[in-house]
Structures are given as structure tokens and as C-alpha cells.
C-alpha atoms as a PDB file:
ATOM      1  CA  UNK A   1      99.505 122.903 127.486  1.00  0.00           C
ATOM      2  CA  UNK A   2     100.165 125.815 125.104  1.00  0.00           C
ATOM      3  CA  UNK A   3     102.614 125.352 122.241  1.00  0.00           C
ATOM      4  CA  UNK A   4     104.192 128.217 120.365  1.00  0.00           C
ATOM      5  CA  UNK A   5     103.170 128.600 116.698  1.00  0.00           C
ATOM      6  CA  UNK A   6     106.750 128.141 115.470  1.00  0.00           C
ATOM      7  CA  UNK A   7     106.874 124.671 117.001  1.00  0.00           C
ATOM      8  CA  UNK A   8     103.563 123.732 115.389  1.00  0.00           C
ATOM      9  CA  UNK A   9     104.820 124.917 112.011  1.00  0.00           C
ATOM     10  CA  UNK A  10     108.008 122.954 112.506  1.00  0.00           C
ATOM     11  CA  UNK A  11     105.961 119.791 113.149  1.00  0.00           C
ATOM     12  CA  UNK A  12     104.090 120.430 109.884  1.00  0.00           C
ATOM     13  CA  UNK A  13     107.417 120.876 108.117  1.00  0.00           C
ATOM     14  CA  UNK A  14     108.572 117.454 109.320  1.00  0.00           C
ATOM     15  CA  UNK A  15     105.363 115.848 108.081  1.00  0.00           C
ATOM     16  CA  UNK A  16     105.634 117.645 104.715  1.00  0.00           C
ATOM     17  CA  UNK A  17     109.181 116.417 104.113  1.00  0.00           C
ATOM     18  CA  UNK A  18     108.343 112.905 105.217  1.00  0.00           C
ATOM     19  CA  UNK A  19     105.372 112.728 102.865  1.00  0.00           C
ATOM     20  CA  UNK A  20     107.369 113.998  99.901  1.00  0.00           C
ATOM     21  CA  UNK A  21     109.923 111.253 100.432  1.00  0.00           C
ATOM     22  CA  UNK A  22     107.459 108.417 101.097  1.00  0.00           C
ATOM     23  CA  UNK A  23     104.868 108.988  98.352  1.00  0.00           C
ATOM     24  CA  UNK A  24     107.071 107.810  95.441  1.00  0.00           C
ATOM     25  CA  UNK A  25     107.550 104.420  97.151  1.00  0.00           C
ATOM     26  CA  UNK A  26     103.870 103.637  97.653  1.00  0.00           C
ATOM     27  CA  UNK A  27     102.464 100.862  95.438  1.00  0.00           C
ATOM     28  CA  UNK A  28     105.869 100.313  93.870  1.00  0.00           C
ATOM     29  CA  UNK A  29     107.904  97.090  93.773  1.00  0.00           C
ATOM     30  CA  UNK A  30     110.450  97.885  96.472  1.00  0.00           C
ATOM     31  CA  UNK A  31     112.764  95.759  98.582  1.00  0.00           C
ATOM     32  CA  UNK A  32     111.316  94.581 101.895  1.00  0.00           C
ATOM     33  CA  UNK A  33     113.545  93.577 104.793  1.00  0.00           C
ATOM     34  CA  UNK A  34     112.435  91.620 107.858  1.00  0.00           C
ATOM     35  CA  UNK A  35     113.484  92.837 111.311  1.00  0.00           C
ATOM     36  CA  UNK A  36     112.313  89.486 112.654  1.00  0.00           C
ATOM     37  CA  UNK A  37     110.332  90.337 115.803  1.00  0.00           C
ATOM     38  CA  UNK A  38     107.636  92.554 117.263  1.00  0.00           C
ATOM     39  CA  UNK A  39     107.800  93.322 120.979  1.00  0.00           C
ATOM     40  CA  UNK A  40     110.320  90.527 121.415  1.00  0.00           C
ATOM     41  CA  UNK A  41     107.978  87.996 119.770  1.00  0.00           C
ATOM     42  CA  UNK A  42     109.321  86.322 116.640  1.00  0.00           C
ATOM     43  CA  UNK A  43     107.208  87.343 113.632  1.00  0.00           C
ATOM     44  CA  UNK A  44     107.518  89.055 110.278  1.00  0.00           C
ATOM     45  CA  UNK A  45     108.339  92.725 110.932  1.00  0.00           C
ATOM     46  CA  UNK A  46     108.817  94.466 107.579  1.00  0.00           C
ATOM     47  CA  UNK A  47     110.860  97.602 106.922  1.00  0.00           C
ATOM     48  CA  UNK A  48     111.536  99.410 103.643  1.00  0.00           C
ATOM     49  CA  UNK A  49     113.617 102.239 102.250  1.00  0.00           C
ATOM     50  CA  UNK A  50     110.588 104.485 102.802  1.00  0.00           C
ATOM     51  CA  UNK A  51     110.649 103.843 106.570  1.00  0.00           C
ATOM     52  CA  UNK A  52     114.383 104.351 106.871  1.00  0.00           C
ATOM     53  CA  UNK A  53     114.799 107.206 104.424  1.00  0.00           C
ATOM     54  CA  UNK A  54     111.964 109.291 105.837  1.00  0.00           C
ATOM     55  CA  UNK A  55     113.134 108.936 109.436  1.00  0.00           C
ATOM     56  CA  UNK A  56     116.685 109.798 108.445  1.00  0.00           C
ATOM     57  CA  UNK A  57     115.470 112.908 106.619  1.00  0.00           C
ATOM     58  CA  UNK A  58     113.330 114.071 109.556  1.00  0.00           C
ATOM     59  CA  UNK A  59     116.196 113.546 111.968  1.00  0.00           C
ATOM     60  CA  UNK A  60     118.489 115.682 109.839  1.00  0.00           C
ATOM     61  CA  UNK A  61     115.975 118.540 109.889  1.00  0.00           C
ATOM     62  CA  UNK A  62     115.623 118.350 113.669  1.00  0.00           C
ATOM     63  CA  UNK A  63     119.395 118.169 114.148  1.00  0.00           C
ATOM     64  CA  UNK A  64     119.897 121.212 111.942  1.00  0.00           C
ATOM     65  CA  UNK A  65     117.096 123.433 113.230  1.00  0.00           C
ATOM     66  CA  UNK A  66     116.434 122.234 116.792  1.00  0.00           C
ATOM     67  CA  UNK A  67     119.692 120.610 117.891  1.00  0.00           C
ATOM     68  CA  UNK A  68     118.843 120.678 121.602  1.00  0.00           C
ATOM     69  CA  UNK A  69     115.701 118.565 121.186  1.00  0.00           C
ATOM     70  CA  UNK A  70     115.873 114.818 121.743  1.00  0.00           C
ATOM     71  CA  UNK A  71     114.688 112.318 119.117  1.00  0.00           C
ATOM     72  CA  UNK A  72     113.171 108.850 119.480  1.00  0.00           C
ATOM     73  CA  UNK A  73     112.451 106.911 116.307  1.00  0.00           C
ATOM     74  CA  UNK A  74     111.575 103.358 115.371  1.00  0.00           C
ATOM     75  CA  UNK A  75     114.437 102.803 112.961  1.00  0.00           C
ATOM     76  CA  UNK A  76     117.321 104.768 114.479  1.00  0.00           C
ATOM     77  CA  UNK A  77     116.593 104.821 118.195  1.00  0.00           C
ATOM     78  CA  UNK A  78     117.133 107.551 120.758  1.00  0.00           C
ATOM     79  CA  UNK A  79     119.239 110.695 120.554  1.00  0.00           C
ATOM     80  CA  UNK A  80     119.337 112.602 123.861  1.00  0.00           C
ATOM     81  CA  UNK A  81     118.716 116.329 124.114  1.00  0.00           C
ATOM     82  CA  UNK A  82     118.862 119.139 126.647  1.00  0.00           C
ATOM     83  CA  UNK A  83     115.679 121.147 125.948  1.00  0.00           C
ATOM     84  CA  UNK A  84     113.217 118.825 127.701  1.00  0.00           C
ATOM     85  CA  UNK A  85     111.503 118.225 124.354  1.00  0.00           C
ATOM     86  CA  UNK A  86     111.530 114.924 122.453  1.00  0.00           C
ATOM     87  CA  UNK A  87     110.336 114.278 118.909  1.00  0.00           C
ATOM     88  CA  UNK A  88     108.910 110.757 118.599  1.00  0.00           C
ATOM     89  CA  UNK A  89     108.914 109.478 115.021  1.00  0.00           C
ATOM     90  CA  UNK A  90     107.403 106.626 113.038  1.00  0.00           C
ATOM     91  CA  UNK A  91     107.382 107.730 109.384  1.00  0.00           C
ATOM     92  CA  UNK A  92     105.559 104.608 108.141  1.00  0.00           C
ATOM     93  CA  UNK A  93     103.339 103.265 110.893  1.00  0.00           C
ATOM     94  CA  UNK A  94     101.583 100.280 109.362  1.00  0.00           C
ATOM     95  CA  UNK A  95     104.344  98.981 107.091  1.00  0.00           C
ATOM     96  CA  UNK A  96     102.315  95.813 106.439  1.00  0.00           C
ATOM     97  CA  UNK A  97      99.553  97.995 105.009  1.00  0.00           C
ATOM     98  CA  UNK A  98     102.124 100.014 103.062  1.00  0.00           C
ATOM     99  CA  UNK A  99     103.676  96.987 101.349  1.00  0.00           C
ATOM    100  CA  UNK A 100     100.262  95.518 100.493  1.00  0.00           C
ATOM    101  CA  UNK A 101      99.058  98.710  98.856  1.00  0.00           C
ATOM    102  CA  UNK A 102      96.475  99.746 101.466  1.00  0.00           C
ATOM    103  CA  UNK A 103      96.140 103.347 102.588  1.00  0.00           C
ATOM    104  CA  UNK A 104      95.706 102.695 106.343  1.00  0.00           C
ATOM    105  CA  UNK A 105      99.375 103.415 107.132  1.00  0.00           C
ATOM    106  CA  UNK A 106     100.523 106.876 108.107  1.00  0.00           C
ATOM    107  CA  UNK A 107     103.354 109.027 109.368  1.00  0.00           C
ATOM    108  CA  UNK A 108     103.319 109.541 113.137  1.00  0.00           C
ATOM    109  CA  UNK A 109     105.083 112.564 114.616  1.00  0.00           C
ATOM    110  CA  UNK A 110     104.747 113.449 118.291  1.00  0.00           C
ATOM    111  CA  UNK A 111     106.291 116.032 120.575  1.00  0.00           C
ATOM    112  CA  UNK A 112     106.796 115.245 124.243  1.00  0.00           C
ATOM    113  CA  UNK A 113     107.698 117.757 126.936  1.00  0.00           C
ATOM    114  CA  UNK A 114     109.259 116.170 130.010  1.00  0.00           C
ATOM    115  CA  UNK A 115     107.492 112.922 129.130  1.00  0.00           C
ATOM    116  CA  UNK A 116     104.036 114.429 128.470  1.00  0.00           C
ATOM    117  CA  UNK A 117     102.686 113.989 124.933  1.00  0.00           C
ATOM    118  CA  UNK A 118     101.752 117.551 123.970  1.00  0.00           C
ATOM    119  CA  UNK A 119     101.395 117.373 120.173  1.00  0.00           C
ATOM    120  CA  UNK A 120     100.580 114.586 117.757  1.00  0.00           C
ATOM    121  CA  UNK A 121     100.288 114.259 113.986  1.00  0.00           C
ATOM    122  CA  UNK A 122      98.807 111.364 112.027  1.00  0.00           C
ATOM    123  CA  UNK A 123      99.637 112.146 108.398  1.00  0.00           C
ATOM    124  CA  UNK A 124      98.362 110.145 105.427  1.00  0.00           C
ATOM    125  CA  UNK A 125     100.482 111.653 102.653  1.00  0.00           C
ATOM    126  CA  UNK A 126      98.854 109.787  99.752  1.00  0.00           C
ATOM    127  CA  UNK A 127      95.330 110.843 100.716  1.00  0.00           C
ATOM    128  CA  UNK A 128      96.838 114.210 101.789  1.00  0.00           C
ATOM    129  CA  UNK A 129      94.990 114.053 105.083  1.00  0.00           C
ATOM    130  CA  UNK A 130      96.688 115.352 108.209  1.00  0.00           C
ATOM    131  CA  UNK A 131      95.252 114.903 111.683  1.00  0.00           C
ATOM    132  CA  UNK A 132      96.829 117.072 114.365  1.00  0.00           C
ATOM    133  CA  UNK A 133      96.085 117.433 118.068  1.00  0.00           C
ATOM    134  CA  UNK A 134      97.506 119.870 120.627  1.00  0.00           C
ATOM    135  CA  UNK A 135      96.433 122.293 123.375  1.00  0.00           C
ATOM    136  CA  UNK A 136      92.717 121.490 123.356  1.00  0.00           C
ATOM    137  CA  UNK A 137      92.435 121.396 119.553  1.00  0.00           C
ATOM    138  CA  UNK A 138      92.184 118.457 117.154  1.00  0.00           C
ATOM    139  CA  UNK A 139      91.873 119.081 113.416  1.00  0.00           C
ATOM    140  CA  UNK A 140      91.830 117.383 110.043  1.00  0.00           C
ATOM    141  CA  UNK A 141      93.760 119.379 107.453  1.00  0.00           C
ATOM    142  CA  UNK A 142      93.362 118.635 103.741  1.00  0.00           C
ATOM    143  CA  UNK A 143      93.938 120.637 100.543  1.00  0.00           C
ATOM    144  CA  UNK A 144      90.266 121.635 100.806  1.00  0.00           C
ATOM    145  CA  UNK A 145      90.611 123.190 104.261  1.00  0.00           C
ATOM    146  CA  UNK A 146      90.383 122.450 107.989  1.00  0.00           C
ATOM    147  CA  UNK A 147      87.797 120.533 109.978  1.00  0.00           C
ATOM    148  CA  UNK A 148      87.516 120.307 113.755  1.00  0.00           C
ATOM    149  CA  UNK A 149      87.679 116.710 114.946  1.00  0.00           C
ATOM    150  CA  UNK A 150      85.201 115.461 117.504  1.00  0.00           C
ATOM    151  CA  UNK A 151      84.576 111.904 118.663  1.00  0.00           C
ATOM    152  CA  UNK A 152      80.967 110.747 118.627  1.00  0.00           C
ATOM    153  CA  UNK A 153      78.746 109.903 121.556  1.00  0.00           C
ATOM    154  CA  UNK A 154      77.962 106.228 122.052  1.00  0.00           C
ATOM    155  CA  UNK A 155      75.784 105.207 124.977  1.00  0.00           C
ATOM    156  CA  UNK A 156      77.009 101.626 125.346  1.00  0.00           C
ATOM    157  CA  UNK A 157      79.337  98.987 123.989  1.00  0.00           C
ATOM    158  CA  UNK A 158      76.303  97.279 122.442  1.00  0.00           C
ATOM    159  CA  UNK A 159      76.077 100.211 120.007  1.00  0.00           C
ATOM    160  CA  UNK A 160      79.823 100.542 119.406  1.00  0.00           C
ATOM    161  CA  UNK A 161      82.129  99.815 116.496  1.00  0.00           C
ATOM    162  CA  UNK A 162      85.292  98.127 117.802  1.00  0.00           C
ATOM    163  CA  UNK A 163      88.616  97.961 115.974  1.00  0.00           C
ATOM    164  CA  UNK A 164      92.153  96.669 116.274  1.00  0.00           C
ATOM    165  CA  UNK A 165      95.001  96.433 113.807  1.00  0.00           C
ATOM    166  CA  UNK A 166      95.117  92.633 113.941  1.00  0.00           C
ATOM    167  CA  UNK A 167      92.754  90.422 115.956  1.00  0.00           C
ATOM    168  CA  UNK A 168      95.325  87.832 116.982  1.00  0.00           C
ATOM    169  CA  UNK A 169      98.894  88.641 115.906  1.00  0.00           C
ATOM    170  CA  UNK A 170      99.510  91.244 118.607  1.00  0.00           C
ATOM    171  CA  UNK A 171      97.634  89.607 121.513  1.00  0.00           C
ATOM    172  CA  UNK A 172      98.717  86.680 123.657  1.00  0.00           C
ATOM    173  CA  UNK A 173      96.117  83.976 124.306  1.00  0.00           C
ATOM    174  CA  UNK A 174      94.619  85.644 127.390  1.00  0.00           C
ATOM    175  CA  UNK A 175      94.464  89.060 125.728  1.00  0.00           C
ATOM    176  CA  UNK A 176      92.945  87.526 122.614  1.00  0.00           C
ATOM    177  CA  UNK A 177      90.197  85.909 124.655  1.00  0.00           C
ATOM    178  CA  UNK A 178      89.475  89.191 126.450  1.00  0.00           C
ATOM    179  CA  UNK A 179      89.378  91.133 123.188  1.00  0.00           C
ATOM    180  CA  UNK A 180      87.065  88.544 121.645  1.00  0.00           C
ATOM    181  CA  UNK A 181      84.683  89.098 124.572  1.00  0.00           C
ATOM    182  CA  UNK A 182      84.719  92.855 123.899  1.00  0.00           C
ATOM    183  CA  UNK A 183      83.878  92.222 120.251  1.00  0.00           C
ATOM    184  CA  UNK A 184      81.060  89.853 121.238  1.00  0.00           C
ATOM    185  CA  UNK A 185      79.477  92.639 123.293  1.00  0.00           C
ATOM    186  CA  UNK A 186      79.803  95.255 120.531  1.00  0.00           C
ATOM    187  CA  UNK A 187      77.619  96.057 117.550  1.00  0.00           C
ATOM    188  CA  UNK A 188      80.375  95.281 115.037  1.00  0.00           C
ATOM    189  CA  UNK A 189      84.125  94.940 114.702  1.00  0.00           C
ATOM    190  CA  UNK A 190      86.550  96.169 112.074  1.00  0.00           C
ATOM    191  CA  UNK A 191      90.166  95.002 111.692  1.00  0.00           C
ATOM    192  CA  UNK A 192      93.250  96.194 109.845  1.00  0.00           C
ATOM    193  CA  UNK A 193      92.972  99.913 110.583  1.00  0.00           C
ATOM    194  CA  UNK A 194      96.581 100.559 111.664  1.00  0.00           C
ATOM    195  CA  UNK A 195      97.109 104.174 112.752  1.00  0.00           C
ATOM    196  CA  UNK A 196      94.333 105.330 110.410  1.00  0.00           C
ATOM    197  CA  UNK A 197      91.827 103.657 112.700  1.00  0.00           C
ATOM    198  CA  UNK A 198      92.658 106.230 115.370  1.00  0.00           C
ATOM    199  CA  UNK A 199      92.007 109.011 112.881  1.00  0.00           C
ATOM    200  CA  UNK A 200      88.603 107.441 112.192  1.00  0.00           C
ATOM    201  CA  UNK A 201      87.926 107.347 115.930  1.00  0.00           C
ATOM    202  CA  UNK A 202      88.787 111.048 116.208  1.00  0.00           C
ATOM    203  CA  UNK A 203      86.422 111.743 113.272  1.00  0.00           C
ATOM    204  CA  UNK A 204      83.592 109.841 114.953  1.00  0.00           C
ATOM    205  CA  UNK A 205      83.386 106.746 112.738  1.00  0.00           C
ATOM    206  CA  UNK A 206      84.833 104.188 115.184  1.00  0.00           C
ATOM    207  CA  UNK A 207      84.004 104.034 118.897  1.00  0.00           C
ATOM    208  CA  UNK A 208      86.666 101.818 120.462  1.00  0.00           C
ATOM    209  CA  UNK A 209      90.171 100.573 119.651  1.00  0.00           C
ATOM    210  CA  UNK A 210      91.937  97.924 121.727  1.00  0.00           C
ATOM    211  CA  UNK A 211      95.599  97.132 121.074  1.00  0.00           C
ATOM    212  CA  UNK A 212      98.606  95.480 122.677  1.00  0.00           C
ATOM    213  CA  UNK A 213     102.380  95.294 122.134  1.00  0.00           C
ATOM    214  CA  UNK A 214     102.621  98.934 121.024  1.00  0.00           C
ATOM    215  CA  UNK A 215     105.958 100.744 121.108  1.00  0.00           C
ATOM    216  CA  UNK A 216     106.478 104.388 122.169  1.00  0.00           C
ATOM    217  CA  UNK A 217     106.550 105.577 118.549  1.00  0.00           C
ATOM    218  CA  UNK A 218     103.320 103.669 117.801  1.00  0.00           C
ATOM    219  CA  UNK A 219     101.305 105.500 120.442  1.00  0.00           C
ATOM    220  CA  UNK A 220     102.817 108.922 121.236  1.00  0.00           C
ATOM    221  CA  UNK A 221     101.235 110.805 118.316  1.00  0.00           C
ATOM    222  CA  UNK A 222      97.843 109.134 118.724  1.00  0.00           C
ATOM    223  CA  UNK A 223      97.147 110.349 122.250  1.00  0.00           C
ATOM    224  CA  UNK A 224      97.000 114.122 121.523  1.00  0.00           C
ATOM    225  CA  UNK A 225      94.811 113.586 118.455  1.00  0.00           C
ATOM    226  CA  UNK A 226      92.277 111.442 120.335  1.00  0.00           C
ATOM    227  CA  UNK A 227      92.357 113.310 123.661  1.00  0.00           C
ATOM    228  CA  UNK A 228      91.971 116.740 122.068  1.00  0.00           C
ATOM    229  CA  UNK A 229      89.036 115.426 120.021  1.00  0.00           C
ATOM    230  CA  UNK A 230      87.286 114.556 123.288  1.00  0.00           C
ATOM    231  CA  UNK A 231      88.241 110.890 123.505  1.00  0.00           C
ATOM    232  CA  UNK A 232      89.680 108.694 126.245  1.00  0.00           C
ATOM    233  CA  UNK A 233      93.066 107.000 125.916  1.00  0.00           C
ATOM    234  CA  UNK A 234      94.403 104.689 128.656  1.00  0.00           C
ATOM    235  CA  UNK A 235      96.112 101.400 129.267  1.00  0.00           C
ATOM    236  CA  UNK A 236      94.038  98.254 129.897  1.00  0.00           C
ATOM    237  CA  UNK A 237      93.826  99.080 133.612  1.00  0.00           C
ATOM    238  CA  UNK A 238      92.446 102.541 132.964  1.00  0.00           C
ATOM    239  CA  UNK A 239      95.670 104.348 133.860  1.00  0.00           C
ATOM    240  CA  UNK A 240      98.009 106.554 131.825  1.00  0.00           C
ATOM    241  CA  UNK A 241      99.685 104.878 128.869  1.00  0.00           C
ATOM    242  CA  UNK A 242     103.233 103.865 129.745  1.00  0.00           C
ATOM    243  CA  UNK A 243     106.128 105.801 128.172  1.00  0.00           C
ATOM    244  CA  UNK A 244     107.078 102.414 126.704  1.00  0.00           C
ATOM    245  CA  UNK A 245     103.692 101.906 125.009  1.00  0.00           C
ATOM    246  CA  UNK A 246     102.182  98.489 125.748  1.00  0.00           C
ATOM    247  CA  UNK A 247      98.436  97.772 125.842  1.00  0.00           C
ATOM    248  CA  UNK A 248      95.953 100.577 125.153  1.00  0.00           C
ATOM    249  CA  UNK A 249      92.234 101.260 125.049  1.00  0.00           C
ATOM    250  CA  UNK A 250      91.069 104.304 123.074  1.00  0.00           C
ATOM    251  CA  UNK A 251      87.418 105.301 123.033  1.00  0.00           C
ATOM    252  CA  UNK A 252      85.262 108.157 121.867  1.00  0.00           C
ATOM    253  CA  UNK A 253      82.823 107.886 124.762  1.00  0.00           C
ATOM    254  CA  UNK A 254      83.779 107.302 128.409  1.00  0.00           C
ATOM    255  CA  UNK A 255      80.803 104.941 128.847  1.00  0.00           C
ATOM    256  CA  UNK A 256      82.088 102.579 126.159  1.00  0.00           C
ATOM    257  CA  UNK A 257      85.604 102.861 127.562  1.00  0.00           C
ATOM    258  CA  UNK A 258      84.394 101.836 131.041  1.00  0.00           C
ATOM    259  CA  UNK A 259      82.504  98.817 129.694  1.00  0.00           C
ATOM    260  CA  UNK A 260      85.509  97.685 127.675  1.00  0.00           C
ATOM    261  CA  UNK A 261      87.834  97.936 130.682  1.00  0.00           C
ATOM    262  CA  UNK A 262      85.445  95.843 132.766  1.00  0.00           C
ATOM    263  CA  UNK A 263      85.451  93.054 130.177  1.00  0.00           C
ATOM    264  CA  UNK A 264      89.197  93.224 129.520  1.00  0.00           C
ATOM    265  CA  UNK A 265      89.951  92.862 133.224  1.00  0.00           C
ATOM    266  CA  UNK A 266      87.370  90.145 134.000  1.00  0.00           C
ATOM    267  CA  UNK A 267      89.839  87.245 134.048  1.00  0.00           C
END
């Protein structure tokens, strides 16, 4: 779906402002609050001034320059609009990584048109790496230039690198068992990638990511980056990812994706 250049530039502007606000907080001793649950399950769910301040700043820019667009964000919820467009925001996706000094967190900015995810940005403002996907194009943008993103071919799960953010915290017992079976069939597994893992998949360094309990703001920006890099992004049944998020399977090669679905649903 084509997107006008002004809208693309506006998305970059949001990511620029978010990064400028967040960078000074990284690897600093800052207050950490606990929201107390993830997906309705009681567990440590950290939030910081970086999360809140960046989302508030982005929302102000959208309200000022595109007041008819809707907004959905992790920290401040939903603001309806009339344009048919919705900005979906998660300025610090991977707050656990952020507060432990790891670089695998990122800013997620997505644009939806009538529910279809048409643009996504994964921005790592400390590394100054920006991954953007829209209209058949997926790119990595750095101070050194631009690079087209393309997932890699992988003939089977036996040759694949499998990843998830956390191998047990975000799966129930049945899902955990199914994911463990996927890992057992793969060449190797890698954990703790957060949203940066999806950037690595789009670059061709990871072959498969399996997750559960995702929220709309966790997933909306990832789909355009992966899909426009040639990847596959579905729920665990192989269908479109729900507007609410939920369980997802992202793969660089359709053959690996099909094998993973078979194992995940063999229960």
C-alpha cells in the first residue's frame, strides 16, 4: 500500500524526537516503577520516565500536526481519530533490557490504516540504527547510509536459529512445552532479543521468532519490517496476527515457518 513521503518523514520525526528524549536515561540510575502484570498475569512489569516521557512527547507532536489521526500507546492508551489512521507507539519496547543496560530494547512506531499495519519502525537510538518497513521496502538506516533488508533463506528448521524474548516468562505451560519442542528441532536458540531480535531476523541473522502474550504496541511495528523484508509473520495457527497481539510466529523462510507451526500445534 503506497504511503505519501510526508507521512514517512513524519514517522521519522517521531522516532527522532523519541530517541533524543530517551538516550540521556540509558545506563543511568533512574527510578523504576512496577505496573504489576503482563497480559493479566502477575509479574514484574517495569516502567520508567523514559517510557512515559517519550510517549507523551510523541503524542503531543501527533496532536499538534496530525490531530485527526488516532493514537494507541502502551502508557497512555487510545485516543480516537477520524482519518482512518492510527499511530501505535511503544517508545521503550524491552524495558527490562533498558533497565539492565542492554541494547536490545527499541522504540516501536507503527502506522495502521483501517486496521492494516502499513508502516513500521524499530529504532535503536543508542546504536543509531533505524529499521523501517513500508510499501514493499524494508531498510536499515544508520549515520553511514541505507541498506536494504532481506531475510535469509533457510531450508529447514534443523538449520534454523530460533529466538524468543524469554523462554518461559511469557508462555503458559503448554506453550512452553511446544516452544521447547521447536527449539529441540532447531540448530540453535537465542534468548533475550526483545524487539531487536526482529531486526536481526529482517537482516538475515535469525530465522525464527516465537512469542506469546504480545500487546498491539508490541507487534504492530514489527510486521511491516519483517513482511517487507520478505519474511512471514502470523499467529500460531498460521493466520493474520490479531489486532490485540497475542501469540506470533515470525520467520525468514516459509519452509521454517511451516515446520514451526506443525510443532506448535501438535498437542
